[in-house]
Amino acid sequence: MIGRRSRYAAGILYTDHGDEFLGVRPRVDTTPRPDDRFHTVVEGDRLDLLAHRYLDRADLWWIICDYNDIFFPLEIEPGTVLRIPSVEHVLMRLLS
């Protein structure tokens, strides 16, 4: 149980297929799709810039994090291959 004074007190406990997790939003379905695109990270790439390039919105950088299990978005190594969902999938399934 989380106490009222805990820093996690404002979080929400979610249940997803029997697993429980504390967060502020439900998990995103990241099942591979045929319209996914791939990007190989080069020096100077940032997730907000990639989100702008591929998803037309820089503020959707967190979707790329979710799709690639990235926990520290500022530490992406060059050569890493990122899977990025299509704009249509994001708009129709993830943001609707």
N, C-alpha and C. Protein backbone atom coordinates (compact mmCIF):
# COMPACT_ATOMS: atom_id res chain seq x y z
N MET A 1 0.84 -1.18 0.00
CA MET A 1 0.00 0.00 0.00
C MET A 1 0.89 1.25 0.00
N ILE A 2 0.47 2.25 -0.73
CA ILE A 2 1.22 3.49 -0.86
C ILE A 2 0.65 4.52 0.11
N GLY A 3 1.51 5.09 0.93
CA GLY A 3 1.07 6.08 1.91
C GLY A 3 0.72 7.41 1.25
N ARG A 4 -0.06 8.22 1.96
CA ARG A 4 -0.49 9.52 1.43
C ARG A 4 0.68 10.46 1.17
N ARG A 5 1.76 10.31 1.91
CA ARG A 5 2.89 11.22 1.77
C ARG A 5 3.94 10.70 0.79
N SER A 6 3.72 9.53 0.24
CA SER A 6 4.67 8.96 -0.72
C SER A 6 4.68 9.78 -2.00
N ARG A 7 5.85 9.83 -2.64
CA ARG A 7 5.93 10.52 -3.93
C ARG A 7 5.13 9.80 -4.99
N TYR A 8 4.73 8.56 -4.73
CA TYR A 8 3.93 7.79 -5.68
C TYR A 8 2.43 7.90 -5.40
N ALA A 9 2.05 8.67 -4.40
CA ALA A 9 0.64 8.76 -4.01
C ALA A 9 -0.26 9.29 -5.13
N ALA A 10 0.28 10.15 -5.99
CA ALA A 10 -0.52 10.71 -7.08
C ALA A 10 -0.60 9.77 -8.29
N GLY A 11 0.16 8.69 -8.26
CA GLY A 11 0.15 7.74 -9.37
C GLY A 11 -1.13 6.92 -9.36
N ILE A 12 -1.35 6.24 -10.44
CA ILE A 12 -2.53 5.40 -10.60
C ILE A 12 -2.06 3.97 -10.77
N LEU A 13 -2.67 3.04 -10.06
CA LEU A 13 -2.32 1.64 -10.21
C LEU A 13 -3.14 1.06 -11.35
N TYR A 14 -2.47 0.58 -12.38
CA TYR A 14 -3.13 -0.01 -13.54
C TYR A 14 -2.96 -1.52 -13.52
N THR A 15 -3.90 -2.22 -14.10
CA THR A 15 -3.79 -3.65 -14.28
C THR A 15 -3.85 -3.92 -15.77
N ASP A 16 -2.87 -4.68 -16.27
CA ASP A 16 -2.78 -4.98 -17.69
C ASP A 16 -2.50 -6.47 -17.85
N HIS A 17 -3.49 -7.24 -18.26
CA HIS A 17 -3.36 -8.68 -18.46
C HIS A 17 -2.80 -9.36 -17.21
N GLY A 18 -3.29 -8.96 -16.05
CA GLY A 18 -2.85 -9.58 -14.81
C GLY A 18 -1.65 -8.92 -14.16
N ASP A 19 -0.90 -8.11 -14.89
CA ASP A 19 0.24 -7.40 -14.32
C ASP A 19 -0.23 -6.05 -13.78
N GLU A 20 0.32 -5.67 -12.65
CA GLU A 20 0.00 -4.36 -12.10
C GLU A 20 1.21 -3.45 -12.22
N PHE A 21 0.96 -2.19 -12.50
CA PHE A 21 2.05 -1.23 -12.53
C PHE A 21 1.53 0.13 -12.12
N LEU A 22 2.41 0.93 -11.59
CA LEU A 22 2.06 2.26 -11.13
C LEU A 22 2.45 3.25 -12.21
N GLY A 23 1.54 4.10 -12.58
CA GLY A 23 1.85 5.06 -13.63
C GLY A 23 0.77 6.09 -13.78
N VAL A 24 0.90 6.88 -14.82
CA VAL A 24 -0.09 7.92 -15.08
C VAL A 24 -0.84 7.68 -16.38
N ARG A 25 -0.53 6.61 -17.06
CA ARG A 25 -1.24 6.27 -18.29
C ARG A 25 -1.09 4.78 -18.54
N PRO A 26 -2.03 4.19 -19.26
CA PRO A 26 -1.90 2.76 -19.56
C PRO A 26 -0.80 2.50 -20.58
N ARG A 27 -0.33 1.27 -20.61
CA ARG A 27 0.72 0.91 -21.56
C ARG A 27 0.19 0.97 -22.99
N VAL A 28 1.10 1.21 -23.90
CA VAL A 28 0.77 1.29 -25.33
C VAL A 28 1.01 -0.09 -25.94
N ASP A 29 0.09 -0.54 -26.80
CA ASP A 29 0.27 -1.81 -27.51
C ASP A 29 1.37 -1.62 -28.54
N THR A 30 2.49 -2.30 -28.34
CA THR A 30 3.64 -2.15 -29.23
C THR A 30 3.89 -3.39 -30.08
N THR A 31 2.83 -4.15 -30.31
CA THR A 31 2.95 -5.33 -31.16
C THR A 31 3.46 -4.91 -32.53
N PRO A 32 4.49 -5.59 -33.06
CA PRO A 32 5.00 -5.22 -34.40
C PRO A 32 3.89 -5.24 -35.45
N ARG A 33 3.95 -4.26 -36.34
CA ARG A 33 2.96 -4.11 -37.41
C ARG A 33 3.70 -4.00 -38.74
N PRO A 34 3.03 -4.38 -39.83
CA PRO A 34 3.70 -4.32 -41.14
C PRO A 34 4.03 -2.90 -41.60
N ASP A 35 3.35 -1.90 -41.04
CA ASP A 35 3.63 -0.52 -41.46
C ASP A 35 4.63 0.20 -40.55
N ASP A 36 5.24 -0.54 -39.60
CA ASP A 36 6.29 0.06 -38.78
C ASP A 36 7.47 0.46 -39.66
N ARG A 37 8.14 1.53 -39.26
CA ARG A 37 9.35 1.95 -39.96
C ARG A 37 10.53 1.80 -39.02
N PHE A 38 11.72 1.80 -39.59
CA PHE A 38 12.94 1.62 -38.80
C PHE A 38 13.90 2.75 -39.08
N HIS A 39 14.59 3.17 -38.03
CA HIS A 39 15.56 4.26 -38.15
C HIS A 39 16.82 3.85 -37.39
N THR A 40 17.96 3.95 -38.04
CA THR A 40 19.24 3.70 -37.38
C THR A 40 19.77 5.02 -36.84
N VAL A 41 19.99 5.07 -35.54
CA VAL A 41 20.41 6.29 -34.86
C VAL A 41 21.81 6.68 -35.31
N VAL A 42 21.97 7.97 -35.63
CA VAL A 42 23.28 8.54 -35.95
C VAL A 42 23.60 9.62 -34.91
N GLU A 43 24.83 10.01 -34.85
CA GLU A 43 25.27 11.05 -33.92
C GLU A 43 24.40 12.30 -34.12
N GLY A 44 23.89 12.85 -33.03
CA GLY A 44 23.08 14.05 -33.10
C GLY A 44 21.58 13.80 -33.15
N ASP A 45 21.15 12.55 -33.35
CA ASP A 45 19.71 12.25 -33.35
C ASP A 45 19.15 12.46 -31.95
N ARG A 46 17.94 12.99 -31.90
CA ARG A 46 17.20 13.15 -30.65
C ARG A 46 15.80 12.60 -30.89
N LEU A 47 15.20 12.04 -29.86
CA LEU A 47 13.88 11.44 -30.03
C LEU A 47 12.81 12.45 -30.41
N ASP A 48 12.90 13.67 -29.90
CA ASP A 48 11.90 14.66 -30.29
C ASP A 48 12.01 15.01 -31.78
N LEU A 49 13.24 15.07 -32.29
CA LEU A 49 13.43 15.35 -33.71
C LEU A 49 12.96 14.19 -34.58
N LEU A 50 13.20 12.97 -34.11
CA LEU A 50 12.74 11.80 -34.86
C LEU A 50 11.22 11.71 -34.84
N ALA A 51 10.61 12.03 -33.71
CA ALA A 51 9.15 12.04 -33.63
C ALA A 51 8.57 13.08 -34.58
N HIS A 52 9.21 14.22 -34.67
CA HIS A 52 8.75 15.25 -35.61
C HIS A 52 8.89 14.75 -37.05
N ARG A 53 9.99 14.11 -37.35
CA ARG A 53 10.23 13.62 -38.71
C ARG A 53 9.25 12.52 -39.11
N TYR A 54 9.06 11.54 -38.23
CA TYR A 54 8.27 10.37 -38.59
C TYR A 54 6.80 10.46 -38.18
N LEU A 55 6.49 11.21 -37.11
CA LEU A 55 5.12 11.26 -36.60
C LEU A 55 4.49 12.65 -36.71
N ASP A 56 5.22 13.59 -37.27
CA ASP A 56 4.75 14.96 -37.48
C ASP A 56 4.49 15.73 -36.18
N ARG A 57 4.95 15.20 -35.05
CA ARG A 57 4.77 15.90 -33.77
C ARG A 57 5.93 15.56 -32.85
N ALA A 58 6.71 16.55 -32.48
CA ALA A 58 7.87 16.34 -31.61
C ALA A 58 7.46 15.86 -30.22
N ASP A 59 6.26 16.24 -29.76
CA ASP A 59 5.83 15.86 -28.42
C ASP A 59 5.43 14.39 -28.30
N LEU A 60 5.52 13.63 -29.39
CA LEU A 60 5.22 12.20 -29.35
C LEU A 60 6.47 11.35 -29.21
N TRP A 61 7.56 11.94 -28.74
CA TRP A 61 8.83 11.21 -28.55
C TRP A 61 8.63 10.01 -27.63
N TRP A 62 7.70 10.10 -26.70
CA TRP A 62 7.47 9.02 -25.74
C TRP A 62 6.95 7.75 -26.42
N ILE A 63 6.29 7.89 -27.56
CA ILE A 63 5.82 6.71 -28.29
C ILE A 63 7.01 5.92 -28.80
N ILE A 64 8.03 6.61 -29.31
CA ILE A 64 9.24 5.92 -29.76
C ILE A 64 9.90 5.22 -28.58
N CYS A 65 9.90 5.87 -27.41
CA CYS A 65 10.45 5.23 -26.20
C CYS A 65 9.68 3.96 -25.87
N ASP A 66 8.36 4.03 -25.87
CA ASP A 66 7.55 2.85 -25.55
C ASP A 66 7.78 1.73 -26.54
N TYR A 67 7.85 2.05 -27.81
CA TYR A 67 8.02 1.03 -28.85
C TYR A 67 9.38 0.34 -28.78
N ASN A 68 10.34 0.99 -28.17
CA ASN A 68 11.71 0.46 -28.15
C ASN A 68 12.24 0.20 -26.75
N ASP A 69 11.35 0.19 -25.76
CA ASP A 69 11.74 -0.05 -24.36
C ASP A 69 12.91 0.83 -23.93
N ILE A 70 12.81 2.11 -24.25
CA ILE A 70 13.85 3.08 -23.90
C ILE A 70 13.46 3.75 -22.58
N PHE A 71 14.33 3.63 -21.60
CA PHE A 71 14.07 4.23 -20.30
C PHE A 71 14.88 5.50 -20.08
N PHE A 72 15.97 5.67 -20.79
CA PHE A 72 16.81 6.86 -20.67
C PHE A 72 16.96 7.47 -22.07
N PRO A 73 15.99 8.30 -22.49
CA PRO A 73 15.97 8.79 -23.88
C PRO A 73 17.14 9.66 -24.28
N LEU A 74 17.91 10.16 -23.33
CA LEU A 74 19.05 11.00 -23.68
C LEU A 74 20.31 10.19 -23.91
N GLU A 75 20.23 8.88 -23.72
CA GLU A 75 21.41 8.03 -23.84
C GLU A 75 21.27 6.99 -24.94
N ILE A 76 20.78 7.39 -26.09
CA ILE A 76 20.62 6.45 -27.20
C ILE A 76 21.92 6.42 -28.01
N GLU A 77 22.47 5.24 -28.14
CA GLU A 77 23.75 5.07 -28.82
C GLU A 77 23.59 5.08 -30.33
N PRO A 78 24.52 5.75 -31.05
CA PRO A 78 24.52 5.65 -32.51
C PRO A 78 24.63 4.19 -32.93
N GLY A 79 23.91 3.84 -33.98
CA GLY A 79 23.87 2.47 -34.46
C GLY A 79 22.66 1.70 -33.98
N THR A 80 21.98 2.22 -32.95
CA THR A 80 20.76 1.58 -32.45
C THR A 80 19.66 1.69 -33.51
N VAL A 81 18.97 0.60 -33.76
CA VAL A 81 17.86 0.60 -34.72
C VAL A 81 16.57 0.75 -33.94
N LEU A 82 15.82 1.80 -34.26
CA LEU A 82 14.56 2.10 -33.60
C LEU A 82 13.39 1.68 -34.48
N ARG A 83 12.37 1.10 -33.87
CA ARG A 83 11.13 0.78 -34.58
C ARG A 83 10.15 1.91 -34.29
N ILE A 84 9.57 2.47 -35.34
CA ILE A 84 8.68 3.62 -35.20
C ILE A 84 7.35 3.28 -35.88
N PRO A 85 6.24 3.45 -35.16
CA PRO A 85 4.94 3.15 -35.76
C PRO A 85 4.57 4.20 -36.81
N SER A 86 3.65 3.83 -37.67
CA SER A 86 3.20 4.77 -38.70
C SER A 86 2.36 5.88 -38.07
N VAL A 87 2.31 7.02 -38.74
CA VAL A 87 1.50 8.15 -38.29
C VAL A 87 0.04 7.72 -38.18
N GLU A 88 -0.43 6.97 -39.16
CA GLU A 88 -1.83 6.53 -39.17
C GLU A 88 -2.15 5.68 -37.94
N HIS A 89 -1.25 4.76 -37.62
CA HIS A 89 -1.47 3.90 -36.45
C HIS A 89 -1.49 4.73 -35.17
N VAL A 90 -0.60 5.67 -35.06
CA VAL A 90 -0.53 6.52 -33.87
C VAL A 90 -1.83 7.31 -33.72
N LEU A 91 -2.27 7.93 -34.80
CA LEU A 91 -3.47 8.76 -34.73
C LEU A 91 -4.74 7.95 -34.51
N MET A 92 -4.85 6.79 -35.16
CA MET A 92 -6.09 6.01 -35.10
C MET A 92 -6.16 5.11 -33.87
N ARG A 93 -5.03 4.60 -33.40
CA ARG A 93 -5.06 3.59 -32.33
C ARG A 93 -4.49 4.09 -31.00
N LEU A 94 -3.47 4.90 -31.05
CA LEU A 94 -2.81 5.28 -29.80
C LEU A 94 -3.32 6.58 -29.21
N LEU A 95 -3.75 7.50 -30.04
CA LEU A 95 -4.16 8.81 -29.53
C LEU A 95 -5.68 9.03 -29.57
N SER A 96 -6.40 8.05 -30.03
CA SER A 96 -7.86 8.24 -30.14
C SER A 96 -8.56 7.93 -28.85
